[in-house]
Amino acid sequence: MVLVDGEWYYNDSCPRNAEHNPDWYCFLRTDEELEEFSENYGGYYNHDHTGLPDTP
């Protein structure tokens, strides 16, 4: 997670392949955006949000 202008966002610089939507870039994403992507792509992001700051 990174703090930008007082707000926390997710960043994932891992490359994507054709299986995991090569057009998706995970820079400055919110919890909601990650959850939606993960639901559509077989649980790609699966982590516990406990103790993490809220996203906008």
Protein backbone atom coordinates (compact mmCIF):
# COMPACT_ATOMS: atom_id res chain seq x y z
CA MET A 1 0.00 0.00 0.00
CA VAL A 2 1.10 3.55 -0.68
CA LEU A 3 -0.01 6.85 0.81
CA VAL A 4 -0.88 9.48 -1.82
CA ASP A 5 -2.29 12.87 -0.83
CA GLY A 6 -3.39 11.49 2.52
CA GLU A 7 -5.20 8.44 1.04
CA TRP A 8 -4.04 4.81 1.03
CA TYR A 9 -4.06 2.77 -2.19
CA TYR A 10 -2.88 -0.64 -3.33
CA ASN A 11 -0.04 -1.10 -5.80
CA ASP A 12 0.92 -4.41 -7.38
CA SER A 13 3.71 -4.22 -9.92
CA CYS A 14 3.57 -7.91 -10.90
CA PRO A 15 3.15 -8.45 -14.64
CA ARG A 16 -0.12 -9.93 -15.91
CA ASN A 17 -0.53 -12.69 -18.44
CA ALA A 18 -3.40 -13.45 -20.80
CA GLU A 19 -5.10 -15.55 -18.11
CA HIS A 20 -5.21 -12.67 -15.62
CA ASN A 21 -6.33 -9.76 -17.81
CA PRO A 22 -3.18 -8.20 -19.31
CA ASP A 23 -4.92 -4.80 -19.49
CA TRP A 24 -5.33 -4.56 -15.69
CA TYR A 25 -2.82 -2.36 -13.93
CA CYS A 26 -2.92 -2.31 -10.17
CA PHE A 27 -1.69 1.16 -9.35
CA LEU A 28 -3.64 3.35 -6.94
CA ARG A 29 -6.50 0.84 -6.57
CA THR A 30 -9.07 0.70 -3.80
CA ASP A 31 -10.35 -2.26 -1.80
CA GLU A 32 -13.51 -2.28 -3.91
CA GLU A 33 -11.57 -2.35 -7.19
CA LEU A 34 -9.33 -5.20 -6.03
CA GLU A 35 -12.28 -7.23 -4.78
CA GLU A 36 -14.18 -6.78 -8.06
CA PHE A 37 -11.15 -7.80 -10.12
CA SER A 38 -10.52 -10.78 -7.87
CA GLU A 39 -14.13 -11.97 -8.15
CA ASN A 40 -13.91 -11.85 -11.94
CA TYR A 41 -10.53 -13.60 -12.13
CA GLY A 42 -10.77 -16.58 -9.83
CA GLY A 43 -9.67 -15.04 -6.54
CA TYR A 44 -6.53 -13.40 -7.90
CA TYR A 45 -6.20 -11.21 -4.80
CA ASN A 46 -6.88 -13.14 -1.63
CA HIS A 47 -5.69 -11.40 1.50
CA ASP A 48 -6.88 -10.36 4.91
CA HIS A 49 -7.70 -6.63 5.14
CA THR A 50 -7.58 -6.73 8.95
CA GLY A 51 -5.28 -4.05 10.29
CA LEU A 52 -4.81 -2.33 6.92
CA PRO A 53 -5.84 1.29 6.39
CA ASP A 54 -9.09 2.08 4.58
CA THR A 55 -8.93 3.10 0.93
CA PRO A 56 -10.99 5.94 -0.58
